[in-house]
């Protein structure tokens, strides 16, 4: 999964949108955390962004990330249970 080709991320917070659009590329851990912590309205398609970082996000959370509550916000905001 990748970010949509037309995803327009806030340029003030992220300059890695091309990285998020590239499949099968490991993302930097700090990027995974920053993506998960952002307000869901920050993204054009927040569930797609969370799917992109999810495999690495699970590892970060499992390793006891310092800001895990903030990172879990992205998972909750994706609204997959609806």
C-alpha atoms as a PDB file:
ATOM      1  CA  UNK A   1       0.000   0.000   0.000  1.00  0.00           C
ATOM      2  CA  UNK A   2       1.119   3.524  -0.706  1.00  0.00           C
ATOM      3  CA  UNK A   3      -0.215   7.015  -0.403  1.00  0.00           C
ATOM      4  CA  UNK A   4      -2.408   7.983  -3.310  1.00  0.00           C
ATOM      5  CA  UNK A   5      -0.645   9.541  -6.259  1.00  0.00           C
ATOM      6  CA  UNK A   6      -2.552  12.780  -5.730  1.00  0.00           C
ATOM      7  CA  UNK A   7      -1.976  12.965  -1.951  1.00  0.00           C
ATOM      8  CA  UNK A   8      -1.124  16.550  -1.090  1.00  0.00           C
ATOM      9  CA  UNK A   9       0.504  16.519   2.297  1.00  0.00           C
ATOM     10  CA  UNK A  10       1.198  19.691   4.193  1.00  0.00           C
ATOM     11  CA  UNK A  11       4.573  20.855   2.942  1.00  0.00           C
ATOM     12  CA  UNK A  12       5.304  22.509   6.270  1.00  0.00           C
ATOM     13  CA  UNK A  13       5.221  19.189   8.114  1.00  0.00           C
ATOM     14  CA  UNK A  14       6.328  16.646   5.518  1.00  0.00           C
ATOM     15  CA  UNK A  15       8.635  16.732   2.560  1.00  0.00           C
ATOM     16  CA  UNK A  16       8.623  12.931   2.287  1.00  0.00           C
ATOM     17  CA  UNK A  17       5.383  12.545   0.298  1.00  0.00           C
ATOM     18  CA  UNK A  18       7.233  10.811  -2.551  1.00  0.00           C
ATOM     19  CA  UNK A  19       8.600   8.302  -0.069  1.00  0.00           C
ATOM     20  CA  UNK A  20       5.075   7.632   1.188  1.00  0.00           C
ATOM     21  CA  UNK A  21       3.966   7.060  -2.418  1.00  0.00           C
ATOM     22  CA  UNK A  22       6.744   4.559  -3.145  1.00  0.00           C
ATOM     23  CA  UNK A  23       5.800   0.912  -2.520  1.00  0.00           C
ATOM     24  CA  UNK A  24       8.111  -1.569  -0.805  1.00  0.00           C
ATOM     25  CA  UNK A  25      10.422   1.075   0.616  1.00  0.00           C
ATOM     26  CA  UNK A  26      11.184   1.049   4.328  1.00  0.00           C
ATOM     27  CA  UNK A  27      10.218   4.331   5.940  1.00  0.00           C
ATOM     28  CA  UNK A  28      12.337   6.064   8.567  1.00  0.00           C
ATOM     29  CA  UNK A  29      11.005   5.345  12.055  1.00  0.00           C
ATOM     30  CA  UNK A  30      10.631   9.035  12.844  1.00  0.00           C
ATOM     31  CA  UNK A  31       8.476   9.477   9.712  1.00  0.00           C
ATOM     32  CA  UNK A  32       6.237   6.576  10.752  1.00  0.00           C
ATOM     33  CA  UNK A  33       5.699   8.178  14.146  1.00  0.00           C
ATOM     34  CA  UNK A  34       5.064  11.644  12.753  1.00  0.00           C
ATOM     35  CA  UNK A  35       2.560  10.303  10.207  1.00  0.00           C
ATOM     36  CA  UNK A  36       0.643   8.342  12.853  1.00  0.00           C
ATOM     37  CA  UNK A  37       0.522  11.312  15.226  1.00  0.00           C
ATOM     38  CA  UNK A  38      -0.881  13.803  12.740  1.00  0.00           C
ATOM     39  CA  UNK A  39      -4.483  14.938  12.878  1.00  0.00           C
ATOM     40  CA  UNK A  40      -6.549  12.861  10.426  1.00  0.00           C
ATOM     41  CA  UNK A  41      -7.658  16.007   8.599  1.00  0.00           C
ATOM     42  CA  UNK A  42      -4.033  16.610   7.694  1.00  0.00           C
ATOM     43  CA  UNK A  43      -4.295  14.014   4.912  1.00  0.00           C
ATOM     44  CA  UNK A  44      -6.443  13.720   1.795  1.00  0.00           C
ATOM     45  CA  UNK A  45      -6.945  10.004   2.507  1.00  0.00           C
ATOM     46  CA  UNK A  46      -5.912   9.294   6.091  1.00  0.00           C
ATOM     47  CA  UNK A  47      -6.817   5.566   6.047  1.00  0.00           C
ATOM     48  CA  UNK A  48      -4.526   5.049   3.023  1.00  0.00           C
ATOM     49  CA  UNK A  49      -1.685   6.846   4.786  1.00  0.00           C
ATOM     50  CA  UNK A  50      -2.137   4.719   7.900  1.00  0.00           C
ATOM     51  CA  UNK A  51      -2.167   1.539   5.763  1.00  0.00           C
ATOM     52  CA  UNK A  52       1.148   2.685   4.284  1.00  0.00           C
ATOM     53  CA  UNK A  53       2.847   3.022   7.671  1.00  0.00           C
ATOM     54  CA  UNK A  54       0.927   0.278   9.502  1.00  0.00           C
ATOM     55  CA  UNK A  55       3.468  -2.576   9.256  1.00  0.00           C
ATOM     56  CA  UNK A  56       6.230  -0.413  10.669  1.00  0.00           C
ATOM     57  CA  UNK A  57       3.893   1.358  13.105  1.00  0.00           C
ATOM     58  CA  UNK A  58       2.957  -1.956  14.718  1.00  0.00           C
ATOM     59  CA  UNK A  59       6.641  -2.697  15.312  1.00  0.00           C
ATOM     60  CA  UNK A  60       7.258   0.776  16.759  1.00  0.00           C
ATOM     61  CA  UNK A  61       4.277   0.437  19.100  1.00  0.00           C
ATOM     62  CA  UNK A  62       5.299  -3.108  20.070  1.00  0.00           C
ATOM     63  CA  UNK A  63       8.761  -1.894  20.976  1.00  0.00           C
ATOM     64  CA  UNK A  64       7.220   0.535  23.468  1.00  0.00           C
ATOM     65  CA  UNK A  65       7.318   3.847  21.653  1.00  0.00           C
ATOM     66  CA  UNK A  66       7.471   6.803  23.994  1.00  0.00           C
ATOM     67  CA  UNK A  67       4.476   8.535  22.402  1.00  0.00           C
ATOM     68  CA  UNK A  68       2.393   5.434  21.746  1.00  0.00           C
ATOM     69  CA  UNK A  69      -0.903   7.073  22.753  1.00  0.00           C
ATOM     70  CA  UNK A  70      -0.395   9.769  20.142  1.00  0.00           C
ATOM     71  CA  UNK A  71       0.565   7.199  17.513  1.00  0.00           C
ATOM     72  CA  UNK A  72      -2.499   5.102  18.263  1.00  0.00           C
ATOM     73  CA  UNK A  73      -4.633   8.142  17.448  1.00  0.00           C
ATOM     74  CA  UNK A  74      -3.973   7.568  13.746  1.00  0.00           C
ATOM     75  CA  UNK A  75      -5.209   3.999  14.000  1.00  0.00           C
ATOM     76  CA  UNK A  76      -8.387   5.066  15.769  1.00  0.00           C
ATOM     77  CA  UNK A  77      -9.026   7.911  13.340  1.00  0.00           C
ATOM     78  CA  UNK A  78      -8.836   5.587  10.317  1.00  0.00           C
ATOM     79  CA  UNK A  79     -12.310   4.374  11.321  1.00  0.00           C
ATOM     80  CA  UNK A  80     -11.885   0.822  10.051  1.00  0.00           C
ATOM     81  CA  UNK A  81     -14.414  -0.534  12.531  1.00  0.00           C
ATOM     82  CA  UNK A  82     -17.243   1.372  10.826  1.00  0.00           C
END
